[in-house]
Amino acid sequence: MNPPDPPSTLHFFVDEAGDPTLFDAKGRILVGQEGCSKTFILGKLDVEDPAALHAALEQLRADLLADPYFKRVPSMQPERAKTARAFHAKDDVAEVRREVFRVLMGFDLRFYGVVRHKTALLDYVQQRNEREAGYRYRADELYDTLVEELFRRYHPLADRLEICFAKRGSKSRTHAFRTAIEKAEARFESQYGIRRSAEVAIVASTPPEMAGLQAVDYCLWALQRHYERDDSRYIELIWDKVVEIEDMDRIEGGRKGVVYNKKRPLIVDQRASQ
């Protein structure tokens, strides 16, 4: 008799790009002002071998820190606790980013993203305020909603999900995150009639502790550049690793919500149509 197959496990790493802020402390609208992101994006990265990815990024950082070319780069100084501690696309210089992307492209990764446009979100909040006098927008509300949306969509079936999400601030939100995941799993089961995973393990961590969080940060940064700066070269670079991007506020054909994937690319290669 052949031994049973070992339980299958998916390793997801979850982080965000942009911020969920719509108003300042006095309730004044920040959307559309300089310094306020146009979008809020949540992403998850399915990593086939988290330990190998961690080792590769640790080795890359050690090699770069030992390279005299980077010795005077501010973000590479240990006292700054930036690149010297963990890769973070916003802080890393261009030469470092290129090396990180090169390593990431050599791994078995699958990226999923959900995008909200803050102008559309602001319209929703204002309309709801008109209907419900007691309603107050909360940033955590948006985050939790996107967690549920991100995980309710299809991903491979597995016996166990191991989900690591980046810590947000000083308070623990593990319970709220788990609640959102449970809602997503229940919606999937209701829609498709099957339970995706018998077990779900959730932890909150930081990029230095979990290199998968460094990797999903890079994927999110690439997607954010497309939406915030109309700079698509980075998301094009990693498109082979993208499973789908759900733009929840984009309207096409009279319908709200567009999903981009391999069959429907986010970036259309104009050369292919010429």
Protein backbone atom coordinates (compact mmCIF):
# COMPACT_ATOMS: atom_id res chain seq x y z
CA MET A 1 0.00 0.00 0.00
CA ASN A 2 1.35 3.39 -0.93
CA PRO A 3 1.67 5.89 1.92
CA PRO A 4 -0.90 8.71 1.86
CA ASP A 5 0.14 11.98 0.26
CA PRO A 6 1.34 14.58 2.78
CA PRO A 7 -1.15 17.37 3.50
CA SER A 8 -0.95 20.16 0.92
CA THR A 9 -0.24 23.67 2.18
CA LEU A 10 -0.48 27.13 0.64
CA HIS A 11 1.71 29.88 2.06
CA PHE A 12 0.21 33.35 1.63
CA PHE A 13 1.83 36.65 2.57
CA VAL A 14 -0.45 39.70 2.78
CA ASP A 15 0.37 43.41 2.76
CA GLU A 16 -0.98 46.73 1.53
CA ALA A 17 0.07 49.65 -0.65
CA GLY A 18 -1.13 53.22 -0.32
CA ASP A 19 -3.21 54.13 2.69
CA PRO A 20 -6.91 53.95 3.53
CA THR A 21 -7.08 57.59 4.71
CA LEU A 22 -9.88 59.76 3.34
CA PHE A 23 -10.11 62.54 5.96
CA ASP A 24 -7.79 64.36 8.33
CA ALA A 25 -8.32 64.50 12.10
CA LYS A 26 -10.83 67.36 11.67
CA GLY A 27 -12.87 65.54 9.07
CA ARG A 28 -11.56 67.50 6.10
CA ILE A 29 -11.26 65.62 2.80
CA LEU A 30 -7.71 64.60 1.88
CA VAL A 31 -8.53 62.71 -1.32
CA GLY A 32 -7.05 64.48 -4.32
CA GLN A 33 -4.50 66.43 -2.29
CA GLU A 34 -0.77 66.00 -2.58
CA GLY A 35 0.55 63.29 -0.33
CA CYS A 36 -2.71 61.33 -0.29
CA SER A 37 -2.59 58.16 -2.37
CA LYS A 38 -5.11 57.76 -5.18
CA THR A 39 -5.67 54.11 -4.37
CA PHE A 40 -5.59 51.60 -1.57
CA ILE A 41 -4.37 48.16 -2.63
CA LEU A 42 -4.27 44.87 -0.77
CA GLY A 43 -2.23 41.97 -2.10
CA LYS A 44 -1.48 38.36 -1.28
CA LEU A 45 1.49 36.38 -2.54
CA ASP A 46 1.42 32.59 -2.72
CA VAL A 47 5.01 31.39 -2.12
CA GLU A 48 5.80 27.77 -2.93
CA ASP A 49 8.95 27.61 -0.76
CA PRO A 50 9.09 30.42 1.84
CA ALA A 51 12.28 29.11 3.47
CA ALA A 52 14.21 29.10 0.19
CA LEU A 53 12.95 32.58 -0.67
CA HIS A 54 14.01 33.84 2.75
CA ALA A 55 17.48 32.37 2.35
CA ALA A 56 17.88 33.87 -1.13
CA LEU A 57 16.88 37.37 -0.05
CA GLU A 58 19.09 37.17 3.04
CA GLN A 59 22.04 36.17 0.86
CA LEU A 60 21.31 38.96 -1.61
CA ARG A 61 21.20 41.56 1.14
CA ALA A 62 24.48 40.31 2.60
CA ASP A 63 26.11 40.48 -0.84
CA LEU A 64 24.84 44.01 -1.48
CA LEU A 65 25.88 45.27 1.94
CA ALA A 66 29.37 43.91 1.30
CA ASP A 67 29.56 45.65 -2.09
CA PRO A 68 31.67 48.87 -1.91
CA TYR A 69 29.37 50.43 -4.53
CA PHE A 70 26.65 50.78 -1.87
CA LYS A 71 28.76 51.74 1.15
CA ARG A 72 27.60 55.37 1.23
CA VAL A 73 23.98 54.79 0.24
CA PRO A 74 21.90 56.11 3.20
CA SER A 75 19.29 53.33 3.12
CA MET A 76 22.05 50.73 3.30
CA GLN A 77 23.42 52.02 6.61
CA PRO A 78 22.58 49.72 9.57
CA GLU A 79 21.56 52.62 11.80
CA ARG A 80 18.82 53.59 9.32
CA ALA A 81 17.17 50.15 9.77
CA LYS A 82 15.98 50.15 6.15
CA THR A 83 17.59 48.07 3.39
CA ALA A 84 20.21 46.84 5.84
CA ARG A 85 17.37 45.22 7.81
CA ALA A 86 14.91 44.21 5.11
CA PHE A 87 14.13 44.98 1.48
CA HIS A 88 11.39 47.57 1.04
CA ALA A 89 10.79 48.79 -2.50
CA LYS A 90 9.97 52.38 -1.50
CA ASP A 91 13.23 52.75 0.44
CA ASP A 92 15.57 50.70 -1.76
CA VAL A 93 17.64 52.43 -4.44
CA ALA A 94 17.02 51.50 -8.07
CA GLU A 95 20.06 49.22 -8.34
CA VAL A 96 18.91 47.25 -5.29
CA ARG A 97 15.35 46.99 -6.59
CA ARG A 98 16.60 45.53 -9.86
CA GLU A 99 18.51 42.83 -7.98
CA VAL A 100 15.52 42.00 -5.77
CA PHE A 101 13.23 41.67 -8.79
CA ARG A 102 15.83 39.42 -10.43
CA VAL A 103 15.75 37.07 -7.42
CA LEU A 104 11.96 37.11 -7.18
CA MET A 105 11.54 36.19 -10.83
CA GLY A 106 13.48 32.98 -10.17
CA PHE A 107 10.94 31.70 -7.61
CA ASP A 108 7.55 30.02 -7.85
CA LEU A 109 5.29 32.92 -6.83
CA ARG A 110 1.65 33.82 -7.53
CA PHE A 111 0.36 37.33 -6.83
CA TYR A 112 -3.23 38.47 -6.35
CA GLY A 113 -4.32 42.08 -5.79
CA VAL A 114 -7.48 44.05 -5.00
CA VAL A 115 -7.61 47.78 -5.81
CA ARG A 116 -9.93 50.49 -4.49
CA HIS A 117 -9.92 54.01 -5.95
CA LYS A 118 -10.32 56.55 -3.17
CA THR A 119 -12.43 58.97 -5.20
CA ALA A 120 -15.04 56.23 -5.65
CA LEU A 121 -14.70 55.22 -2.01
CA LEU A 122 -15.21 58.83 -0.91
CA ASP A 123 -18.41 59.03 -3.00
CA TYR A 124 -19.68 55.88 -1.28
CA VAL A 125 -18.89 57.22 2.20
CA GLN A 126 -20.58 60.57 1.50
CA GLN A 127 -23.69 58.88 0.12
CA ARG A 128 -23.85 56.59 3.14
CA ASN A 129 -23.44 59.56 5.48
CA GLU A 130 -26.49 61.13 3.85
CA ARG A 131 -28.52 57.96 4.44
CA GLU A 132 -27.15 57.12 7.91
CA ALA A 133 -26.42 60.07 10.19
CA GLY A 134 -24.46 57.91 12.62
CA TYR A 135 -22.15 56.31 10.08
CA ARG A 136 -18.44 57.11 10.38
CA TYR A 137 -15.83 55.79 7.99
CA ARG A 138 -13.04 53.73 9.58
CA ALA A 139 -9.81 52.77 7.85
CA ASP A 140 -9.97 49.31 9.44
CA GLU A 141 -13.37 48.79 7.82
CA LEU A 142 -11.85 49.18 4.36
CA TYR A 143 -8.89 46.92 5.20
CA ASP A 144 -11.12 44.15 6.52
CA THR A 145 -13.46 44.39 3.54
CA LEU A 146 -10.55 44.01 1.13
CA VAL A 147 -9.14 41.05 3.07
CA GLU A 148 -12.47 39.30 2.64
CA GLU A 149 -12.64 40.22 -1.05
CA LEU A 150 -9.06 39.13 -1.68
CA PHE A 151 -9.58 35.70 -0.15
CA ARG A 152 -13.13 35.00 -1.31
CA ARG A 153 -11.90 34.83 -4.90
CA TYR A 154 -10.62 31.54 -6.27
CA HIS A 155 -7.21 30.19 -5.39
CA PRO A 156 -5.93 26.58 -5.46
CA LEU A 157 -7.42 24.12 -3.01
CA ALA A 158 -5.20 22.91 -0.19
CA ASP A 159 -5.53 21.02 3.08
CA ARG A 160 -4.04 23.92 5.01
CA LEU A 161 -3.63 27.65 4.53
CA GLU A 162 -0.79 29.42 6.27
CA ILE A 163 -1.39 33.17 6.07
CA CYS A 164 1.10 35.74 7.27
CA PHE A 165 0.01 39.36 7.22
CA ALA A 166 2.09 42.45 7.87
CA LYS A 167 1.51 44.08 11.25
CA ARG A 168 -0.36 47.38 11.03
CA GLY A 169 0.45 49.76 13.88
CA SER A 170 0.78 48.78 17.51
CA LYS A 171 -2.59 47.12 18.13
CA SER A 172 -3.20 43.50 17.27
CA ARG A 173 -5.74 42.93 14.51
CA THR A 174 -5.28 39.18 14.21
CA HIS A 175 -8.84 38.50 15.39
CA ALA A 176 -10.33 40.92 12.84
CA PHE A 177 -8.15 39.44 10.11
CA ARG A 178 -9.27 35.91 10.99
CA THR A 179 -12.91 37.01 10.98
CA ALA A 180 -12.50 38.43 7.48
CA ILE A 181 -10.82 35.20 6.29
CA GLU A 182 -13.60 33.07 7.78
CA LYS A 183 -16.21 35.19 5.97
CA ALA A 184 -14.28 34.75 2.73
CA GLU A 185 -14.11 30.97 3.16
CA ALA A 186 -17.82 30.82 3.95
CA ARG A 187 -18.67 32.85 0.83
CA PHE A 188 -16.52 30.56 -1.32
CA GLU A 189 -18.17 27.45 0.15
CA SER A 190 -21.62 28.94 -0.41
CA GLN A 191 -20.80 29.84 -4.01
CA TYR A 192 -18.98 26.65 -5.08
CA GLY A 193 -20.30 24.07 -2.64
CA ILE A 194 -16.89 22.98 -1.34
CA ARG A 195 -14.64 23.92 1.55
CA ARG A 196 -11.21 24.98 0.29
CA SER A 197 -9.12 24.20 3.36
CA ALA A 198 -9.66 22.16 6.50
CA GLU A 199 -7.25 24.30 8.49
CA VAL A 200 -6.26 27.96 8.40
CA ALA A 201 -3.30 29.28 10.40
CA ILE A 202 -2.87 33.06 10.69
CA VAL A 203 0.06 35.03 12.08
CA ALA A 204 1.10 38.68 12.05
CA SER A 205 4.76 39.38 11.43
CA THR A 206 7.28 41.87 10.04
CA PRO A 207 9.36 41.87 6.82
CA PRO A 208 12.70 41.18 8.55
CA GLU A 209 11.16 38.07 10.12
CA MET A 210 9.31 36.90 7.00
CA ALA A 211 10.93 37.45 3.61
CA GLY A 212 7.59 36.63 1.98
CA LEU A 213 6.40 40.02 3.25
CA GLN A 214 9.35 41.66 1.50
CA ALA A 215 8.38 39.88 -1.70
CA VAL A 216 4.70 40.87 -1.58
CA ASP A 217 5.78 44.45 -0.83
CA TYR A 218 7.70 44.47 -4.11
CA CYS A 219 4.71 43.12 -6.03
CA LEU A 220 2.44 45.73 -4.47
CA TRP A 221 4.92 48.51 -5.19
CA ALA A 222 5.01 47.46 -8.84
CA LEU A 223 1.21 47.55 -9.05
CA GLN A 224 1.00 50.83 -7.15
CA ARG A 225 3.41 52.50 -9.57
CA HIS A 226 0.99 51.67 -12.36
CA TYR A 227 -1.99 53.25 -10.61
CA GLU A 228 -0.30 56.17 -8.88
CA ARG A 229 2.29 57.24 -11.46
CA ASP A 230 1.18 55.62 -14.69
CA ASP A 231 4.51 53.75 -14.66
CA SER A 232 3.79 50.22 -15.84
CA ARG A 233 7.26 48.79 -16.47
CA TYR A 234 7.47 47.07 -13.07
CA ILE A 235 4.08 45.37 -13.17
CA GLU A 236 4.91 44.28 -16.73
CA LEU A 237 8.19 42.86 -15.42
CA ILE A 238 6.42 40.62 -12.89
CA TRP A 239 3.25 39.91 -14.89
CA ASP A 240 4.20 36.23 -15.26
CA LYS A 241 3.80 36.00 -11.47
CA VAL A 242 0.37 37.68 -11.42
CA VAL A 243 -2.74 35.50 -11.18
CA GLU A 244 -5.28 38.31 -11.09
CA ILE A 245 -5.81 41.94 -10.18
CA GLU A 246 -9.35 42.97 -9.25
CA ASP A 247 -10.01 46.68 -9.84
CA MET A 248 -13.21 47.05 -7.83
CA ASP A 249 -14.09 50.57 -8.99
CA ARG A 250 -13.26 50.47 -12.68
CA ILE A 251 -16.34 50.60 -14.90
CA GLU A 252 -16.37 48.87 -18.28
CA GLY A 253 -19.39 48.01 -20.39
CA GLY A 254 -21.69 49.55 -17.81
CA ARG A 255 -20.50 47.18 -15.10
CA LYS A 256 -18.44 48.08 -12.06
CA GLY A 257 -15.44 45.92 -11.27
CA VAL A 258 -12.86 44.53 -13.67
CA VAL A 259 -10.59 41.52 -13.18
CA TYR A 260 -7.25 41.48 -14.98
CA ASN A 261 -5.39 38.22 -15.56
CA LYS A 262 -3.36 36.37 -18.17
CA LYS A 263 -6.25 36.44 -20.66
CA ARG A 264 -7.05 40.07 -19.90
CA PRO A 265 -3.77 41.88 -19.19
CA LEU A 266 -3.68 45.02 -17.11
CA ILE A 267 -1.25 46.52 -19.64
CA VAL A 268 -2.08 46.07 -23.30
CA ASP A 269 0.99 45.68 -25.51
CA GLN A 270 0.24 48.16 -28.27
CA ARG A 271 2.90 46.58 -30.46
CA ALA A 272 0.92 43.32 -30.57
CA SER A 273 -2.05 45.09 -32.14
CA GLN A 274 -0.07 46.86 -34.83
